[in-house]
mmCIF file of all heavy atoms, coordinates in Angstrom:
data_MODEL
# 
_entry.id   MODEL 
# 
loop_
_atom_site.group_PDB 
_atom_site.id 
_atom_site.type_symbol 
_atom_site.label_atom_id 
_atom_site.label_alt_id 
_atom_site.label_comp_id 
_atom_site.label_asym_id 
_atom_site.label_entity_id 
_atom_site.label_seq_id 
_atom_site.pdbx_PDB_ins_code 
_atom_site.Cartn_x 
_atom_site.Cartn_y 
_atom_site.Cartn_z 
_atom_site.occupancy 
_atom_site.B_iso_or_equiv 
_atom_site.pdbx_formal_charge 
_atom_site.auth_seq_id 
_atom_site.auth_comp_id 
_atom_site.auth_asym_id 
_atom_site.auth_atom_id 
_atom_site.pdbx_PDB_model_num 
ATOM 1   N N   . GLY A 1 1  ? 8.148   5.869   -4.398  1.00 0.00 ? 1  GLY A N   1 
ATOM 2   C CA  . GLY A 1 1  ? 7.175   5.175   -3.567  1.00 0.00 ? 1  GLY A CA  1 
ATOM 3   C C   . GLY A 1 1  ? 6.087   4.503   -4.367  1.00 0.00 ? 1  GLY A C   1 
ATOM 4   O O   . GLY A 1 1  ? 6.047   4.562   -5.603  1.00 0.00 ? 1  GLY A O   1 
ATOM 5   N N   . MET A 1 2  ? 5.186   3.874   -3.627  1.00 0.00 ? 2  MET A N   1 
ATOM 6   C CA  . MET A 1 2  ? 4.126   3.077   -4.248  1.00 0.00 ? 2  MET A CA  1 
ATOM 7   C C   . MET A 1 2  ? 2.943   2.986   -3.295  1.00 0.00 ? 2  MET A C   1 
ATOM 8   O O   . MET A 1 2  ? 3.097   2.728   -2.102  1.00 0.00 ? 2  MET A O   1 
ATOM 9   C CB  . MET A 1 2  ? 4.646   1.672   -4.557  1.00 0.00 ? 2  MET A CB  1 
ATOM 10  C CG  . MET A 1 2  ? 3.624   0.698   -5.102  1.00 0.00 ? 2  MET A CG  1 
ATOM 11  S SD  . MET A 1 2  ? 4.381   -0.934  -5.352  1.00 0.00 ? 2  MET A SD  1 
ATOM 12  C CE  . MET A 1 2  ? 2.950   -1.860  -5.955  1.00 0.00 ? 2  MET A CE  1 
ATOM 13  N N   . TRP A 1 3  ? 1.755   3.211   -3.828  1.00 0.00 ? 3  TRP A N   1 
ATOM 14  C CA  . TRP A 1 3  ? 0.526   3.028   -3.054  1.00 0.00 ? 3  TRP A CA  1 
ATOM 15  C C   . TRP A 1 3  ? 0.126   1.562   -3.050  1.00 0.00 ? 3  TRP A C   1 
ATOM 16  O O   . TRP A 1 3  ? 0.263   0.879   -4.076  1.00 0.00 ? 3  TRP A O   1 
ATOM 17  C CB  . TRP A 1 3  ? -0.623  3.845   -3.641  1.00 0.00 ? 3  TRP A CB  1 
ATOM 18  C CG  . TRP A 1 3  ? -0.472  5.328   -3.523  1.00 0.00 ? 3  TRP A CG  1 
ATOM 19  C CD1 . TRP A 1 3  ? -0.327  6.225   -4.545  1.00 0.00 ? 3  TRP A CD1 1 
ATOM 20  C CD2 . TRP A 1 3  ? -0.477  6.094   -2.317  1.00 0.00 ? 3  TRP A CD2 1 
ATOM 21  N NE1 . TRP A 1 3  ? -0.234  7.490   -4.047  1.00 0.00 ? 3  TRP A NE1 1 
ATOM 22  C CE2 . TRP A 1 3  ? -0.322  7.446   -2.678  1.00 0.00 ? 3  TRP A CE2 1 
ATOM 23  C CE3 . TRP A 1 3  ? -0.585  5.771   -0.958  1.00 0.00 ? 3  TRP A CE3 1 
ATOM 24  C CZ2 . TRP A 1 3  ? -0.276  8.483   -1.740  1.00 0.00 ? 3  TRP A CZ2 1 
ATOM 25  C CZ3 . TRP A 1 3  ? -0.543  6.794   -0.027  1.00 0.00 ? 3  TRP A CZ3 1 
ATOM 26  C CH2 . TRP A 1 3  ? -0.393  8.123   -0.413  1.00 0.00 ? 3  TRP A CH2 1 
ATOM 27  N N   . ASN A 1 4  ? -0.399  1.099   -1.922  1.00 0.00 ? 4  ASN A N   1 
ATOM 28  C CA  . ASN A 1 4  ? -0.930  -0.261  -1.831  1.00 0.00 ? 4  ASN A CA  1 
ATOM 29  C C   . ASN A 1 4  ? -2.134  -0.291  -0.895  1.00 0.00 ? 4  ASN A C   1 
ATOM 30  O O   . ASN A 1 4  ? -2.103  0.330   0.177   1.00 0.00 ? 4  ASN A O   1 
ATOM 31  C CB  . ASN A 1 4  ? 0.128   -1.222  -1.261  1.00 0.00 ? 4  ASN A CB  1 
ATOM 32  C CG  . ASN A 1 4  ? 1.286   -1.438  -2.194  1.00 0.00 ? 4  ASN A CG  1 
ATOM 33  O OD1 . ASN A 1 4  ? 1.240   -2.265  -3.098  1.00 0.00 ? 4  ASN A OD1 1 
ATOM 34  N ND2 . ASN A 1 4  ? 2.358   -0.678  -1.976  1.00 0.00 ? 4  ASN A ND2 1 
ATOM 35  N N   . VAL A 1 5  ? -3.177  -0.981  -1.301  1.00 0.00 ? 5  VAL A N   1 
ATOM 36  C CA  . VAL A 1 5  ? -4.274  -1.375  -0.408  1.00 0.00 ? 5  VAL A CA  1 
ATOM 37  C C   . VAL A 1 5  ? -4.281  -2.892  -0.466  1.00 0.00 ? 5  VAL A C   1 
ATOM 38  O O   . VAL A 1 5  ? -4.935  -3.491  -1.320  1.00 0.00 ? 5  VAL A O   1 
ATOM 39  C CB  . VAL A 1 5  ? -5.623  -0.783  -0.842  1.00 0.00 ? 5  VAL A CB  1 
ATOM 40  C CG1 . VAL A 1 5  ? -6.717  -1.183  0.146   1.00 0.00 ? 5  VAL A CG1 1 
ATOM 41  C CG2 . VAL A 1 5  ? -5.541  0.740   -0.939  1.00 0.00 ? 5  VAL A CG2 1 
ATOM 42  N N   . PRO A 1 6  ? -3.525  -3.555  0.432   1.00 0.00 ? 6  PRO A N   1 
ATOM 43  C CA  . PRO A 1 6  ? -3.193  -4.978  0.240   1.00 0.00 ? 6  PRO A CA  1 
ATOM 44  C C   . PRO A 1 6  ? -4.314  -5.959  0.525   1.00 0.00 ? 6  PRO A C   1 
ATOM 45  O O   . PRO A 1 6  ? -4.252  -7.096  0.092   1.00 0.00 ? 6  PRO A O   1 
ATOM 46  C CB  . PRO A 1 6  ? -2.038  -5.179  1.225   1.00 0.00 ? 6  PRO A CB  1 
ATOM 47  C CG  . PRO A 1 6  ? -2.301  -4.181  2.307   1.00 0.00 ? 6  PRO A CG  1 
ATOM 48  C CD  . PRO A 1 6  ? -2.856  -2.982  1.600   1.00 0.00 ? 6  PRO A CD  1 
ATOM 49  N N   . LYS A 1 7  ? -5.324  -5.524  1.244   1.00 0.00 ? 7  LYS A N   1 
ATOM 50  C CA  . LYS A 1 7  ? -6.418  -6.442  1.566   1.00 0.00 ? 7  LYS A CA  1 
ATOM 51  C C   . LYS A 1 7  ? -7.748  -5.777  1.210   1.00 0.00 ? 7  LYS A C   1 
ATOM 52  O O   . LYS A 1 7  ? -8.067  -4.705  1.704   1.00 0.00 ? 7  LYS A O   1 
ATOM 53  C CB  . LYS A 1 7  ? -6.382  -6.820  3.050   1.00 0.00 ? 7  LYS A CB  1 
ATOM 54  C CG  . LYS A 1 7  ? -7.417  -7.879  3.424   1.00 0.00 ? 7  LYS A CG  1 
ATOM 55  C CD  . LYS A 1 7  ? -7.313  -8.293  4.888   1.00 0.00 ? 7  LYS A CD  1 
ATOM 56  C CE  . LYS A 1 7  ? -8.416  -9.283  5.257   1.00 0.00 ? 7  LYS A CE  1 
ATOM 57  N NZ  . LYS A 1 7  ? -8.421  -9.613  6.694   1.00 0.00 ? 7  LYS A NZ  1 
ATOM 58  N N   . TYR A 1 8  ? -8.513  -6.437  0.340   1.00 0.00 ? 8  TYR A N   1 
ATOM 59  C CA  . TYR A 1 8  ? -9.761  -5.893  -0.182  1.00 0.00 ? 8  TYR A CA  1 
ATOM 60  C C   . TYR A 1 8  ? -9.513  -4.512  -0.789  1.00 0.00 ? 8  TYR A C   1 
ATOM 61  O O   . TYR A 1 8  ? -10.040 -3.487  -0.341  1.00 0.00 ? 8  TYR A O   1 
ATOM 62  C CB  . TYR A 1 8  ? -10.849 -5.842  0.911   1.00 0.00 ? 8  TYR A CB  1 
ATOM 63  C CG  . TYR A 1 8  ? -11.085 -7.186  1.551   1.00 0.00 ? 8  TYR A CG  1 
ATOM 64  C CD1 . TYR A 1 8  ? -11.111 -7.341  2.927   1.00 0.00 ? 8  TYR A CD1 1 
ATOM 65  C CD2 . TYR A 1 8  ? -11.255 -8.332  0.778   1.00 0.00 ? 8  TYR A CD2 1 
ATOM 66  C CE1 . TYR A 1 8  ? -11.306 -8.578  3.526   1.00 0.00 ? 8  TYR A CE1 1 
ATOM 67  C CE2 . TYR A 1 8  ? -11.453 -9.575  1.356   1.00 0.00 ? 8  TYR A CE2 1 
ATOM 68  C CZ  . TYR A 1 8  ? -11.468 -9.695  2.728   1.00 0.00 ? 8  TYR A CZ  1 
ATOM 69  O OH  . TYR A 1 8  ? -11.661 -10.932 3.311   1.00 0.00 ? 8  TYR A OH  1 
ATOM 70  N N   . SER A 1 9  ? -8.680  -4.498  -1.809  1.00 0.00 ? 9  SER A N   1 
ATOM 71  C CA  . SER A 1 9  ? -8.240  -3.252  -2.428  1.00 0.00 ? 9  SER A CA  1 
ATOM 72  C C   . SER A 1 9  ? -9.430  -2.409  -2.862  1.00 0.00 ? 9  SER A C   1 
ATOM 73  O O   . SER A 1 9  ? -10.503 -2.918  -3.179  1.00 0.00 ? 9  SER A O   1 
ATOM 74  C CB  . SER A 1 9  ? -7.360  -3.563  -3.639  1.00 0.00 ? 9  SER A CB  1 
ATOM 75  O OG  . SER A 1 9  ? -8.122  -4.192  -4.668  1.00 0.00 ? 9  SER A OG  1 
ATOM 76  N N   . ASN A 1 10 ? -9.203  -1.121  -2.841  1.00 0.00 ? 10 ASN A N   1 
ATOM 77  C CA  . ASN A 1 10 ? -10.199 -0.138  -3.275  1.00 0.00 ? 10 ASN A CA  1 
ATOM 78  C C   . ASN A 1 10 ? -9.902  0.192   -4.736  1.00 0.00 ? 10 ASN A C   1 
ATOM 79  O O   . ASN A 1 10 ? -8.828  0.735   -5.039  1.00 0.00 ? 10 ASN A O   1 
ATOM 80  C CB  . ASN A 1 10 ? -10.061 1.117   -2.396  1.00 0.00 ? 10 ASN A CB  1 
ATOM 81  C CG  . ASN A 1 10 ? -11.014 2.231   -2.755  1.00 0.00 ? 10 ASN A CG  1 
ATOM 82  O OD1 . ASN A 1 10 ? -11.692 2.179   -3.768  1.00 0.00 ? 10 ASN A OD1 1 
ATOM 83  N ND2 . ASN A 1 10 ? -11.048 3.268   -1.923  1.00 0.00 ? 10 ASN A ND2 1 
ATOM 84  N N   . PRO A 1 11 ? -10.792 -0.162  -5.706  1.00 0.00 ? 11 PRO A N   1 
ATOM 85  C CA  . PRO A 1 11 ? -12.165 -0.613  -5.486  1.00 0.00 ? 11 PRO A CA  1 
ATOM 86  C C   . PRO A 1 11 ? -12.416 -2.108  -5.736  1.00 0.00 ? 11 PRO A C   1 
ATOM 87  O O   . PRO A 1 11 ? -13.536 -2.569  -5.570  1.00 0.00 ? 11 PRO A O   1 
ATOM 88  C CB  . PRO A 1 11 ? -12.916 0.192   -6.556  1.00 0.00 ? 11 PRO A CB  1 
ATOM 89  C CG  . PRO A 1 11 ? -11.961 0.222   -7.717  1.00 0.00 ? 11 PRO A CG  1 
ATOM 90  C CD  . PRO A 1 11 ? -10.579 0.302   -7.101  1.00 0.00 ? 11 PRO A CD  1 
ATOM 91  N N   . GLU A 1 12 ? -11.418 -2.880  -6.169  1.00 0.00 ? 12 GLU A N   1 
ATOM 92  C CA  . GLU A 1 12 ? -11.708 -4.214  -6.703  1.00 0.00 ? 12 GLU A CA  1 
ATOM 93  C C   . GLU A 1 12 ? -11.908 -5.291  -5.638  1.00 0.00 ? 12 GLU A C   1 
ATOM 94  O O   . GLU A 1 12 ? -12.421 -6.360  -5.940  1.00 0.00 ? 12 GLU A O   1 
ATOM 95  C CB  . GLU A 1 12 ? -10.590 -4.646  -7.647  1.00 0.00 ? 12 GLU A CB  1 
ATOM 96  C CG  . GLU A 1 12 ? -10.550 -3.839  -8.937  1.00 0.00 ? 12 GLU A CG  1 
ATOM 97  C CD  . GLU A 1 12 ? -9.572  -4.426  -9.928  1.00 0.00 ? 12 GLU A CD  1 
ATOM 98  O OE1 . GLU A 1 12 ? -8.369  -4.514  -9.605  1.00 0.00 ? 12 GLU A OE1 1 
ATOM 99  O OE2 . GLU A 1 12 ? -10.005 -4.810  -11.025 1.00 0.00 ? 12 GLU A OE2 1 
ATOM 100 N N   . GLY A 1 13 ? -11.457 -5.042  -4.412  1.00 0.00 ? 13 GLY A N   1 
ATOM 101 C CA  . GLY A 1 13 ? -11.582 -6.067  -3.383  1.00 0.00 ? 13 GLY A CA  1 
ATOM 102 C C   . GLY A 1 13 ? -10.553 -7.176  -3.500  1.00 0.00 ? 13 GLY A C   1 
ATOM 103 O O   . GLY A 1 13 ? -10.752 -8.276  -2.982  1.00 0.00 ? 13 GLY A O   1 
ATOM 104 N N   . VAL A 1 14 ? -9.435  -6.903  -4.179  1.00 0.00 ? 14 VAL A N   1 
ATOM 105 C CA  . VAL A 1 14 ? -8.364  -7.898  -4.345  1.00 0.00 ? 14 VAL A CA  1 
ATOM 106 C C   . VAL A 1 14 ? -7.589  -8.040  -3.035  1.00 0.00 ? 14 VAL A C   1 
ATOM 107 O O   . VAL A 1 14 ? -7.279  -7.053  -2.369  1.00 0.00 ? 14 VAL A O   1 
ATOM 108 C CB  . VAL A 1 14 ? -7.404  -7.478  -5.476  1.00 0.00 ? 14 VAL A CB  1 
ATOM 109 C CG1 . VAL A 1 14 ? -6.165  -8.373  -5.504  1.00 0.00 ? 14 VAL A CG1 1 
ATOM 110 C CG2 . VAL A 1 14 ? -8.113  -7.516  -6.813  1.00 0.00 ? 14 VAL A CG2 1 
ATOM 111 N N   . VAL A 1 15 ? -7.254  -9.267  -2.677  1.00 0.00 ? 15 VAL A N   1 
ATOM 112 C CA  . VAL A 1 15 ? -6.361  -9.541  -1.555  1.00 0.00 ? 15 VAL A CA  1 
ATOM 113 C C   . VAL A 1 15 ? -5.009  -9.945  -2.141  1.00 0.00 ? 15 VAL A C   1 
ATOM 114 O O   . VAL A 1 15 ? -4.920  -10.913 -2.904  1.00 0.00 ? 15 VAL A O   1 
ATOM 115 C CB  . VAL A 1 15 ? -6.906  -10.670 -0.656  1.00 0.00 ? 15 VAL A CB  1 
ATOM 116 C CG1 . VAL A 1 15 ? -5.930  -10.975 0.476   1.00 0.00 ? 15 VAL A CG1 1 
ATOM 117 C CG2 . VAL A 1 15 ? -8.277  -10.286 -0.087  1.00 0.00 ? 15 VAL A CG2 1 
ATOM 118 N N   . TYR A 1 16 ? -3.970  -9.198  -1.816  1.00 0.00 ? 16 TYR A N   1 
ATOM 119 C CA  . TYR A 1 16 ? -2.642  -9.523  -2.339  1.00 0.00 ? 16 TYR A CA  1 
ATOM 120 C C   . TYR A 1 16 ? -2.271  -10.950 -1.952  1.00 0.00 ? 16 TYR A C   1 
ATOM 121 O O   . TYR A 1 16 ? -2.458  -11.375 -0.810  1.00 0.00 ? 16 TYR A O   1 
ATOM 122 C CB  . TYR A 1 16 ? -1.586  -8.589  -1.755  1.00 0.00 ? 16 TYR A CB  1 
ATOM 123 C CG  . TYR A 1 16 ? -1.546  -7.180  -2.311  1.00 0.00 ? 16 TYR A CG  1 
ATOM 124 C CD1 . TYR A 1 16 ? -2.616  -6.630  -3.005  1.00 0.00 ? 16 TYR A CD1 1 
ATOM 125 C CD2 . TYR A 1 16 ? -0.421  -6.387  -2.122  1.00 0.00 ? 16 TYR A CD2 1 
ATOM 126 C CE1 . TYR A 1 16 ? -2.559  -5.343  -3.490  1.00 0.00 ? 16 TYR A CE1 1 
ATOM 127 C CE2 . TYR A 1 16 ? -0.346  -5.097  -2.603  1.00 0.00 ? 16 TYR A CE2 1 
ATOM 128 C CZ  . TYR A 1 16 ? -1.421  -4.567  -3.287  1.00 0.00 ? 16 TYR A CZ  1 
ATOM 129 O OH  . TYR A 1 16 ? -1.358  -3.279  -3.759  1.00 0.00 ? 16 TYR A OH  1 
ATOM 130 N N   . SER A 1 17 ? -1.713  -11.680 -2.889  1.00 0.00 ? 17 SER A N   1 
ATOM 131 C CA  . SER A 1 17 ? -1.268  -13.045 -2.608  1.00 0.00 ? 17 SER A CA  1 
ATOM 132 C C   . SER A 1 17 ? -0.010  -13.022 -1.744  1.00 0.00 ? 17 SER A C   1 
ATOM 133 O O   . SER A 1 17 ? 0.711   -12.018 -1.680  1.00 0.00 ? 17 SER A O   1 
ATOM 134 C CB  . SER A 1 17 ? -0.982  -13.784 -3.909  1.00 0.00 ? 17 SER A CB  1 
ATOM 135 O OG  . SER A 1 17 ? 0.171   -13.250 -4.538  1.00 0.00 ? 17 SER A OG  1 
ATOM 136 N N   . ASP A 1 18 ? 0.274   -14.135 -1.107  1.00 0.00 ? 18 ASP A N   1 
ATOM 137 C CA  . ASP A 1 18 ? 1.490   -14.250 -0.299  1.00 0.00 ? 18 ASP A CA  1 
ATOM 138 C C   . ASP A 1 18 ? 2.730   -13.990 -1.147  1.00 0.00 ? 18 ASP A C   1 
ATOM 139 O O   . ASP A 1 18 ? 3.693   -13.354 -0.691  1.00 0.00 ? 18 ASP A O   1 
ATOM 140 C CB  . ASP A 1 18 ? 1.581   -15.631 0.348   1.00 0.00 ? 18 ASP A CB  1 
ATOM 141 C CG  . ASP A 1 18 ? 0.518   -15.861 1.425   1.00 0.00 ? 18 ASP A CG  1 
ATOM 142 O OD1 . ASP A 1 18 ? -0.069  -14.856 1.894   1.00 0.00 ? 18 ASP A OD1 1 
ATOM 143 O OD2 . ASP A 1 18 ? 0.270   -17.019 1.789   1.00 0.00 ? 18 ASP A OD2 1 
ATOM 144 N N   . GLU A 1 19 ? 2.719   -14.488 -2.373  1.00 0.00 ? 19 GLU A N   1 
ATOM 145 C CA  . GLU A 1 19 ? 3.866   -14.285 -3.253  1.00 0.00 ? 19 GLU A CA  1 
ATOM 146 C C   . GLU A 1 19 ? 4.066   -12.805 -3.567  1.00 0.00 ? 19 GLU A C   1 
ATOM 147 O O   . GLU A 1 19 ? 5.200   -12.295 -3.555  1.00 0.00 ? 19 GLU A O   1 
ATOM 148 C CB  . GLU A 1 19 ? 3.687   -15.057 -4.564  1.00 0.00 ? 19 GLU A CB  1 
ATOM 149 C CG  . GLU A 1 19 ? 4.852   -14.881 -5.523  1.00 0.00 ? 19 GLU A CG  1 
ATOM 150 C CD  . GLU A 1 19 ? 4.625   -15.538 -6.877  1.00 0.00 ? 19 GLU A CD  1 
ATOM 151 O OE1 . GLU A 1 19 ? 3.586   -16.205 -7.061  1.00 0.00 ? 19 GLU A OE1 1 
ATOM 152 O OE2 . GLU A 1 19 ? 5.508   -15.368 -7.751  1.00 0.00 ? 19 GLU A OE2 1 
ATOM 153 N N   . THR A 1 20 ? 2.964   -12.104 -3.840  1.00 0.00 ? 20 THR A N   1 
ATOM 154 C CA  . THR A 1 20 ? 3.058   -10.669 -4.142  1.00 0.00 ? 20 THR A CA  1 
ATOM 155 C C   . THR A 1 20 ? 3.601   -9.895  -2.947  1.00 0.00 ? 20 THR A C   1 
ATOM 156 O O   . THR A 1 20 ? 4.484   -9.047  -3.086  1.00 0.00 ? 20 THR A O   1 
ATOM 157 C CB  . THR A 1 20 ? 1.683   -10.118 -4.546  1.00 0.00 ? 20 THR A CB  1 
ATOM 158 O OG1 . THR A 1 20 ? 1.283   -10.715 -5.785  1.00 0.00 ? 20 THR A OG1 1 
ATOM 159 C CG2 . THR A 1 20 ? 1.724   -8.604  -4.719  1.00 0.00 ? 20 THR A CG2 1 
ATOM 160 N N   . VAL A 1 21 ? 3.080   -10.197 -1.757  1.00 0.00 ? 21 VAL A N   1 
ATOM 161 C CA  . VAL A 1 21 ? 3.544   -9.518  -0.548  1.00 0.00 ? 21 VAL A CA  1 
ATOM 162 C C   . VAL A 1 21 ? 5.026   -9.790  -0.317  1.00 0.00 ? 21 VAL A C   1 
ATOM 163 O O   . VAL A 1 21 ? 5.804   -8.884  0.021   1.00 0.00 ? 21 VAL A O   1 
ATOM 164 C CB  . VAL A 1 21 ? 2.708   -9.949  0.678   1.00 0.00 ? 21 VAL A CB  1 
ATOM 165 C CG1 . VAL A 1 21 ? 3.281   -9.348  1.955   1.00 0.00 ? 21 VAL A CG1 1 
ATOM 166 C CG2 . VAL A 1 21 ? 1.246   -9.520  0.514   1.00 0.00 ? 21 VAL A CG2 1 
ATOM 167 N N   . ALA A 1 22 ? 5.441   -11.042 -0.533  1.00 0.00 ? 22 ALA A N   1 
ATOM 168 C CA  . ALA A 1 22 ? 6.855   -11.399 -0.339  1.00 0.00 ? 22 ALA A CA  1 
ATOM 169 C C   . ALA A 1 22 ? 7.745   -10.656 -1.327  1.00 0.00 ? 22 ALA A C   1 
ATOM 170 O O   . ALA A 1 22 ? 8.841   -10.178 -0.961  1.00 0.00 ? 22 ALA A O   1 
ATOM 171 C CB  . ALA A 1 22 ? 7.034   -12.907 -0.484  1.00 0.00 ? 22 ALA A CB  1 
ATOM 172 N N   . ARG A 1 23 ? 7.306   -10.541 -2.571  1.00 0.00 ? 23 ARG A N   1 
ATOM 173 C CA  . ARG A 1 23 ? 8.100   -9.837  -3.575  1.00 0.00 ? 23 ARG A CA  1 
ATOM 174 C C   . ARG A 1 23 ? 8.191   -8.338  -3.261  1.00 0.00 ? 23 ARG A C   1 
ATOM 175 O O   . ARG A 1 23 ? 9.246   -7.717  -3.445  1.00 0.00 ? 23 ARG A O   1 
ATOM 176 C CB  . ARG A 1 23 ? 7.517   -10.059 -4.976  1.00 0.00 ? 23 ARG A CB  1 
ATOM 177 C CG  . ARG A 1 23 ? 7.724   -11.463 -5.485  1.00 0.00 ? 23 ARG A CG  1 
ATOM 178 C CD  . ARG A 1 23 ? 7.039   -11.693 -6.831  1.00 0.00 ? 23 ARG A CD  1 
ATOM 179 N NE  . ARG A 1 23 ? 7.697   -10.988 -7.931  1.00 0.00 ? 23 ARG A NE  1 
ATOM 180 C CZ  . ARG A 1 23 ? 7.319   -11.107 -9.208  1.00 0.00 ? 23 ARG A CZ  1 
ATOM 181 N NH1 . ARG A 1 23 ? 6.290   -11.908 -9.523  1.00 0.00 ? 23 ARG A NH1 1 
ATOM 182 N NH2 . ARG A 1 23 ? 7.949   -10.444 -10.161 1.00 0.00 ? 23 ARG A NH2 1 
ATOM 183 N N   . LEU A 1 24 ? 7.113   -7.770  -2.768  1.00 0.00 ? 24 LEU A N   1 
ATOM 184 C CA  . LEU A 1 24 ? 7.140   -6.360  -2.383  1.00 0.00 ? 24 LEU A CA  1 
ATOM 185 C C   . LEU A 1 24 ? 8.097   -6.127  -1.217  1.00 0.00 ? 24 LEU A C   1 
ATOM 186 O O   . LEU A 1 24 ? 8.882   -5.174  -1.209  1.00 0.00 ? 24 LEU A O   1 
ATOM 187 C CB  . LEU A 1 24 ? 5.733   -5.888  -2.012  1.00 0.00 ? 24 LEU A CB  1 
ATOM 188 C CG  . LEU A 1 24 ? 4.759   -5.687  -3.168  1.00 0.00 ? 24 LEU A CG  1 
ATOM 189 C CD1 . LEU A 1 24 ? 3.326   -5.576  -2.658  1.00 0.00 ? 24 LEU A CD1 1 
ATOM 190 C CD2 . LEU A 1 24 ? 5.132   -4.433  -3.964  1.00 0.00 ? 24 LEU A CD2 1 
ATOM 191 N N   . ALA A 1 25 ? 8.040   -7.019  -0.228  1.00 0.00 ? 25 ALA A N   1 
ATOM 192 C CA  . ALA A 1 25 ? 8.890   -6.871  0.956   1.00 0.00 ? 25 ALA A CA  1 
ATOM 193 C C   . ALA A 1 25 ? 10.370  -7.025  0.613   1.00 0.00 ? 25 ALA A C   1 
ATOM 194 O O   . ALA A 1 25 ? 11.233  -6.440  1.283   1.00 0.00 ? 25 ALA A O   1 
ATOM 195 C CB  . ALA A 1 25 ? 8.491   -7.884  2.016   1.00 0.00 ? 25 ALA A CB  1 
# 
């Protein structure tokens, strides 16, 4: 498995890009 906080990640506030989300899916 893998942990993800895809929107405003804890702690950096990163929003996963569309490309990253597509590759994960």
